[in-house]
C-alpha atoms as a PDB file:
ATOM      1  CA  MET A   1     119.487  92.116  85.325  1.00  0.00           C
ATOM      2  CA  THR A   2     117.904  92.108  88.670  1.00  0.00           C
ATOM      3  CA  ILE A   3     119.596  94.326  91.496  1.00  0.00           C
ATOM      4  CA  MET A   4     117.105  93.762  94.598  1.00  0.00           C
ATOM      5  CA  HIS A   5     118.113  91.434  97.413  1.00  0.00           C
ATOM      6  CA  GLU A   6     115.567  90.849 100.213  1.00  0.00           C
ATOM      7  CA  GLU A   7     117.696  91.905 103.155  1.00  0.00           C
ATOM      8  CA  GLY A   8     117.813  95.936 103.803  1.00  0.00           C
ATOM      9  CA  ILE A   9     115.962  96.998 100.746  1.00  0.00           C
ATOM     10  CA  VAL A  10     114.290 100.477 100.985  1.00  0.00           C
ATOM     11  CA  LEU A  11     112.940 101.845  97.818  1.00  0.00           C
ATOM     12  CA  GLY A  12     112.773 105.854  96.955  1.00  0.00           C
ATOM     13  CA  PHE A  13     110.461 107.043  94.403  1.00  0.00           C
ATOM     14  CA  ASP A  14     110.217 110.345  92.589  1.00  0.00           C
ATOM     15  CA  LEU A  15     106.724 111.487  91.771  1.00  0.00           C
ATOM     16  CA  ASP A  16     106.589 113.460  88.486  1.00  0.00           C
ATOM     17  CA  GLY A  17     108.004 111.259  85.520  1.00  0.00           C
ATOM     18  CA  VAL A  18     108.036 108.017  87.736  1.00  0.00           C
ATOM     19  CA  ILE A  19     104.488 107.931  88.985  1.00  0.00           C
ATOM     20  CA  ILE A  20     102.637 110.396  87.421  1.00  0.00           C
ATOM     21  CA  ASP A  21     102.570 110.939  83.816  1.00  0.00           C
ATOM     22  CA  HIS A  22     102.171 114.685  82.872  1.00  0.00           C
ATOM     23  CA  THR A  23     103.271 114.127  79.097  1.00  0.00           C
ATOM     24  CA  GLN A  24      99.596 114.814  77.665  1.00  0.00           C
ATOM     25  CA  ASN A  25      98.914 117.640  79.854  1.00  0.00           C
ATOM     26  CA  LYS A  26     102.302 119.559  79.148  1.00  0.00           C
ATOM     27  CA  MET A  27     101.401 119.071  75.307  1.00  0.00           C
ATOM     28  CA  LEU A  28      98.146 120.696  75.681  1.00  0.00           C
ATOM     29  CA  ILE A  29      99.283 123.561  77.989  1.00  0.00           C
ATOM     30  CA  ALA A  30     102.291 124.115  75.368  1.00  0.00           C
ATOM     31  CA  SER A  31      99.807 124.099  72.430  1.00  0.00           C
ATOM     32  CA  ARG A  32      97.564 126.974  74.183  1.00  0.00           C
ATOM     33  CA  TYR A  33     100.629 128.933  73.875  1.00  0.00           C
ATOM     34  CA  GLY A  34     101.346 128.085  70.202  1.00  0.00           C
ATOM     35  CA  ILE A  35     104.213 125.615  70.755  1.00  0.00           C
ATOM     36  CA  GLU A  36     103.771 122.092  69.618  1.00  0.00           C
ATOM     37  CA  LEU A  37     105.708 119.580  71.586  1.00  0.00           C
ATOM     38  CA  SER A  38     106.319 115.735  70.996  1.00  0.00           C
ATOM     39  CA  PRO A  39     106.123 113.251  74.072  1.00  0.00           C
ATOM     40  CA  LYS A  40     110.078 113.575  74.223  1.00  0.00           C
ATOM     41  CA  ASP A  41     110.094 117.358  74.323  1.00  0.00           C
ATOM     42  CA  THR A  42     108.291 117.220  77.771  1.00  0.00           C
ATOM     43  CA  HIS A  43     110.694 115.632  79.677  1.00  0.00           C
ATOM     44  CA  ALA A  44     111.811 117.835  82.572  1.00  0.00           C
ATOM     45  CA  GLU A  45     115.395 118.423  81.423  1.00  0.00           C
ATOM     46  CA  HIS A  46     114.250 119.568  78.008  1.00  0.00           C
ATOM     47  CA  MET A  47     110.882 121.157  78.460  1.00  0.00           C
ATOM     48  CA  GLY A  48     112.047 124.654  79.583  1.00  0.00           C
ATOM     49  CA  THR A  49     114.252 125.078  76.371  1.00  0.00           C
ATOM     50  CA  HIS A  50     111.099 125.612  74.406  1.00  0.00           C
ATOM     51  CA  PHE A  51     109.828 128.669  76.377  1.00  0.00           C
ATOM     52  CA  THR A  52     110.799 131.732  78.055  1.00  0.00           C
ATOM     53  CA  PRO A  53     112.056 131.469  81.577  1.00  0.00           C
ATOM     54  CA  GLU A  54     108.570 133.704  82.568  1.00  0.00           C
ATOM     55  CA  LEU A  55     106.412 131.573  80.219  1.00  0.00           C
ATOM     56  CA  TYR A  56     107.954 128.245  81.646  1.00  0.00           C
ATOM     57  CA  ARG A  57     107.136 129.720  85.389  1.00  0.00           C
ATOM     58  CA  VAL A  58     103.470 129.723  84.197  1.00  0.00           C
ATOM     59  CA  ILE A  59     103.445 126.874  82.642  1.00  0.00           C
ATOM     60  CA  LYS A  60     104.605 124.681  85.803  1.00  0.00           C
ATOM     61  CA  SER A  61     102.121 126.323  87.629  1.00  0.00           C
ATOM     62  CA  GLN A  62      99.552 125.185  85.304  1.00  0.00           C
ATOM     63  CA  LEU A  63     100.885 121.621  85.520  1.00  0.00           C
ATOM     64  CA  TYR A  64     101.689 121.218  88.964  1.00  0.00           C
ATOM     65  CA  ASP A  65      99.157 123.656  91.165  1.00  0.00           C
ATOM     66  CA  SER A  66      95.743 121.877  92.083  1.00  0.00           C
ATOM     67  CA  THR A  67      94.095 122.994  88.864  1.00  0.00           C
ATOM     68  CA  ALA A  68      91.371 120.556  87.509  1.00  0.00           C
ATOM     69  CA  LEU A  69      94.007 119.905  84.466  1.00  0.00           C
ATOM     70  CA  ALA A  70      96.871 119.088  86.893  1.00  0.00           C
ATOM     71  CA  LEU A  71      94.649 116.758  88.858  1.00  0.00           C
ATOM     72  CA  GLU A  72      93.647 114.836  85.692  1.00  0.00           C
ATOM     73  CA  ALA A  73      97.549 113.825  85.490  1.00  0.00           C
ATOM     74  CA  PRO A  74      97.254 110.079  84.977  1.00  0.00           C
ATOM     75  CA  LEU A  75      99.500 107.259  86.727  1.00  0.00           C
ATOM     76  CA  MET A  76     102.125 105.921  84.511  1.00  0.00           C
ATOM     77  CA  ALA A  77     101.145 102.585  83.231  1.00  0.00           C
ATOM     78  CA  GLY A  78     102.026  99.753  85.499  1.00  0.00           C
ATOM     79  CA  ALA A  79     102.561 102.055  88.749  1.00  0.00           C
ATOM     80  CA  PHE A  80      99.891 101.030  90.628  1.00  0.00           C
ATOM     81  CA  ALA A  81     100.302  97.135  90.251  1.00  0.00           C
ATOM     82  CA  THR A  82     103.864  97.499  91.321  1.00  0.00           C
ATOM     83  CA  LEU A  83     103.228  99.570  94.442  1.00  0.00           C
ATOM     84  CA  ALA A  84     100.363  97.240  95.302  1.00  0.00           C
ATOM     85  CA  LYS A  85     103.003  94.437  94.792  1.00  0.00           C
ATOM     86  CA  LEU A  86     105.537  96.355  97.156  1.00  0.00           C
ATOM     87  CA  ARG A  87     103.075  96.815  99.691  1.00  0.00           C
ATOM     88  CA  GLU A  88     102.022  93.239  99.726  1.00  0.00           C
ATOM     89  CA  GLN A  89     105.108  92.072  99.982  1.00  0.00           C
ATOM     90  CA  GLY A  90     106.164  94.326 102.628  1.00  0.00           C
ATOM     91  CA  ILE A  91     109.148  95.897 100.784  1.00  0.00           C
ATOM     92  CA  PRO A  92     109.305  99.428 102.540  1.00  0.00           C
ATOM     93  CA  TYR A  93     109.193 102.147  99.961  1.00  0.00           C
ATOM     94  CA  PHE A  94     109.122 106.243 100.097  1.00  0.00           C
ATOM     95  CA  LEU A  95     108.118 109.163  97.867  1.00  0.00           C
ATOM     96  CA  VAL A  96     110.937 111.712  98.006  1.00  0.00           C
ATOM     97  CA  SER A  97     110.008 114.540  95.612  1.00  0.00           C
ATOM     98  CA  LEU A  98     111.072 117.757  94.743  1.00  0.00           C
ATOM     99  CA  GLN A  99     107.982 119.988  95.187  1.00  0.00           C
ATOM    100  CA  LYS A 100     107.489 123.919  95.723  1.00  0.00           C
ATOM    101  CA  ASN A 101     103.773 123.060  97.146  1.00  0.00           C
ATOM    102  CA  PRO A 102     103.761 119.486  98.704  1.00  0.00           C
ATOM    103  CA  MET A 103     100.020 120.091  99.555  1.00  0.00           C
ATOM    104  CA  HIS A 104      99.607 120.110  95.581  1.00  0.00           C
ATOM    105  CA  ALA A 105     101.306 116.819  94.949  1.00  0.00           C
ATOM    106  CA  ALA A 106      99.325 115.091  98.210  1.00  0.00           C
ATOM    107  CA  HIS A 107      96.066 116.285  96.450  1.00  0.00           C
ATOM    108  CA  LEU A 108      97.406 114.735  93.155  1.00  0.00           C
ATOM    109  CA  LEU A 109      98.052 111.652  95.033  1.00  0.00           C
ATOM    110  CA  GLU A 110      94.783 111.532  96.670  1.00  0.00           C
ATOM    111  CA  GLU A 111      93.029 111.975  93.380  1.00  0.00           C
ATOM    112  CA  ARG A 112      94.989 108.938  91.807  1.00  0.00           C
ATOM    113  CA  GLY A 113      93.608 106.670  94.854  1.00  0.00           C
ATOM    114  CA  LEU A 114      97.289 106.817  96.337  1.00  0.00           C
ATOM    115  CA  TRP A 115      97.436 109.095  99.510  1.00  0.00           C
ATOM    116  CA  GLY A 116      95.932 107.193 102.294  1.00  0.00           C
ATOM    117  CA  THR A 117      96.881 103.447 101.315  1.00  0.00           C
ATOM    118  CA  TYR A 118     100.095 103.380  99.344  1.00  0.00           C
ATOM    119  CA  PHE A 119     101.290 106.802 100.532  1.00  0.00           C
ATOM    120  CA  THR A 120     101.265 108.629 103.601  1.00  0.00           C
ATOM    121  CA  PRO A 121     103.159 111.418 105.938  1.00  0.00           C
ATOM    122  CA  GLU A 122     105.142 108.563 107.086  1.00  0.00           C
ATOM    123  CA  ASN A 123     106.245 107.615 103.768  1.00  0.00           C
ATOM    124  CA  THR A 124     106.169 110.746 101.781  1.00  0.00           C
ATOM    125  CA  LEU A 125     109.029 113.752 101.795  1.00  0.00           C
ATOM    126  CA  PHE A 126     109.431 116.749  99.888  1.00  0.00           C
ATOM    127  CA  ALA A 127     112.583 118.601  99.156  1.00  0.00           C
ATOM    128  CA  ARG A 128     113.165 122.008  97.834  1.00  0.00           C
ATOM    129  CA  ASN A 129     116.087 121.096  95.955  1.00  0.00           C
ATOM    130  CA  ALA A 130     118.416 118.308  94.665  1.00  0.00           C
ATOM    131  CA  ASP A 131     120.642 118.170  97.683  1.00  0.00           C
ATOM    132  CA  GLU A 132     118.280 118.346 100.068  1.00  0.00           C
ATOM    133  CA  LYS A 133     116.505 115.342  98.287  1.00  0.00           C
ATOM    134  CA  HIS A 134     119.714 113.213  98.252  1.00  0.00           C
ATOM    135  CA  ALA A 135     120.081 114.216 102.050  1.00  0.00           C
ATOM    136  CA  LEU A 136     116.452 113.032 102.811  1.00  0.00           C
ATOM    137  CA  ALA A 137     116.755 109.785 100.963  1.00  0.00           C
ATOM    138  CA  ALA A 138     120.296 109.060 102.451  1.00  0.00           C
ATOM    139  CA  GLN A 139     118.621 109.749 106.031  1.00  0.00           C
ATOM    140  CA  ILE A 140     115.962 107.511 105.748  1.00  0.00           C
ATOM    141  CA  GLY A 141     118.166 104.444 104.290  1.00  0.00           C
ATOM    142  CA  VAL A 142     116.856 104.544 100.803  1.00  0.00           C
ATOM    143  CA  THR A 143     119.097 101.680  98.855  1.00  0.00           C
ATOM    144  CA  HIS A 144     117.089 101.814  95.624  1.00  0.00           C
ATOM    145  CA  PHE A 145     116.225 105.372  94.111  1.00  0.00           C
ATOM    146  CA  ILE A 146     114.054 105.518  90.980  1.00  0.00           C
ATOM    147  CA  ASP A 147     114.138 109.089  89.422  1.00  0.00           C
ATOM    148  CA  ASP A 148     113.471 110.159  85.715  1.00  0.00           C
ATOM    149  CA  GLU A 149     116.176 113.032  85.880  1.00  0.00           C
ATOM    150  CA  PRO A 150     119.589 111.989  85.684  1.00  0.00           C
ATOM    151  CA  ASN A 151     120.719 115.394  87.037  1.00  0.00           C
ATOM    152  CA  ILE A 152     118.994 114.388  90.419  1.00  0.00           C
ATOM    153  CA  LEU A 153     120.444 110.889  90.148  1.00  0.00           C
ATOM    154  CA  ASP A 154     123.687 112.395  89.616  1.00  0.00           C
ATOM    155  CA  VAL A 155     123.413 114.159  92.930  1.00  0.00           C
ATOM    156  CA  MET A 156     122.589 111.105  94.900  1.00  0.00           C
ATOM    157  CA  ILE A 157     125.905 109.628  95.340  1.00  0.00           C
ATOM    158  CA  SER A 158     125.571 107.837  98.485  1.00  0.00           C
ATOM    159  CA  ILE A 159     122.507 105.858  97.239  1.00  0.00           C
ATOM    160  CA  PRO A 160     123.947 102.383  96.260  1.00  0.00           C
ATOM    161  CA  ASN A 161     121.341 101.597  93.696  1.00  0.00           C
ATOM    162  CA  ARG A 162     120.168 104.495  91.350  1.00  0.00           C
ATOM    163  CA  ILE A 163     117.692 103.739  88.597  1.00  0.00           C
ATOM    164  CA  LEU A 164     116.792 105.961  85.715  1.00  0.00           C
ATOM    165  CA  PHE A 165     113.052 105.793  84.682  1.00  0.00           C
ATOM    166  CA  ASP A 166     113.734 106.572  81.064  1.00  0.00           C
ATOM    167  CA  ALA A 167     110.296 106.264  79.613  1.00  0.00           C
ATOM    168  CA  ARG A 168     111.628 107.533  75.919  1.00  0.00           C
ATOM    169  CA  GLY A 169     114.942 106.310  76.225  1.00  0.00           C
ATOM    170  CA  LEU A 170     116.558 109.768  76.183  1.00  0.00           C
ATOM    171  CA  PHE A 171     119.498 109.236  78.003  1.00  0.00           C
ATOM    172  CA  PRO A 172     121.305 106.420  76.428  1.00  0.00           C
ATOM    173  CA  GLU A 173     124.528 108.202  77.277  1.00  0.00           C
ATOM    174  CA  LYS A 174     124.060 108.125  81.058  1.00  0.00           C
ATOM    175  CA  THR A 175     125.665 104.919  82.078  1.00  0.00           C
ATOM    176  CA  ASP A 176     126.243 105.239  85.719  1.00  0.00           C
ATOM    177  CA  TYR A 177     123.001 103.625  86.693  1.00  0.00           C
ATOM    178  CA  CYS A 178     120.384 101.168  85.352  1.00  0.00           C
ATOM    179  CA  HIS A 179     117.847 102.395  83.147  1.00  0.00           C
ATOM    180  CA  VAL A 180     114.187 101.047  82.957  1.00  0.00           C
ATOM    181  CA  GLU A 181     111.719 102.458  80.632  1.00  0.00           C
ATOM    182  CA  SER A 182     108.245 100.917  82.254  1.00  0.00           C
ATOM    183  CA  TRP A 183     107.102  99.966  85.691  1.00  0.00           C
ATOM    184  CA  SER A 184     107.049  96.337  84.343  1.00  0.00           C
ATOM    185  CA  GLU A 185     110.681  96.543  83.526  1.00  0.00           C
ATOM    186  CA  LEU A 186     110.931  98.274  86.786  1.00  0.00           C
ATOM    187  CA  ALA A 187     109.512  95.397  88.574  1.00  0.00           C
ATOM    188  CA  GLU A 188     111.539  93.119  86.536  1.00  0.00           C
ATOM    189  CA  THR A 189     114.944  94.862  87.730  1.00  0.00           C
ATOM    190  CA  LEU A 190     113.805  94.636  91.194  1.00  0.00           C
ATOM    191  CA  GLY A 191     113.245  90.960  91.174  1.00  0.00           C
ATOM    192  CA  MET A 192     109.595  91.008  91.338  1.00  0.00           C
ATOM    193  CA  ALA A 193     108.444  89.910  88.040  1.00  0.00           C
ATOM    194  CA  ASN A 194     107.695  86.158  89.172  1.00  0.00           C
ATOM    195  CA  ARG A 195     106.652  86.869  92.885  1.00  0.00           C
END
């Protein structure tokens, strides 16, 4: 199903779980505390259930602050190529991400070769909560928002096209929006596959 039309398209992307893949880091850090997680257990909406709130805060700090391990988190497969294609085709896009410390996120984007070329201060916005994320996306005119968390997409009611990046097929019951499991499927959904 193609949902993109040439006129007036503005894409919005979440960072963690859409552009950056923290799966292996989450599994590694959890194992240091004696907890073995499967890739499915690492999703943001599930992972916290495996730890006490205090320990989960410590783990998230190790995952998202500018630690050596955090900065090793790879891009999701296909992200770089699709972002390059969007840029090449002049399709506007923004990063709109929940971040407690935006400097760490920018540092990670720089480490992955995205900062300065694909993301800049002009197309990168950080929010403190889901409502603010929705407000920012609406304010800049996002028409298609891609996020890996259904609870975020549920809040973004004024965005016409909400796309769940569900890499592991964890949310089949969420039928209010389009689902994709990969960047190649996202490119196809956006009508970019053969451009």
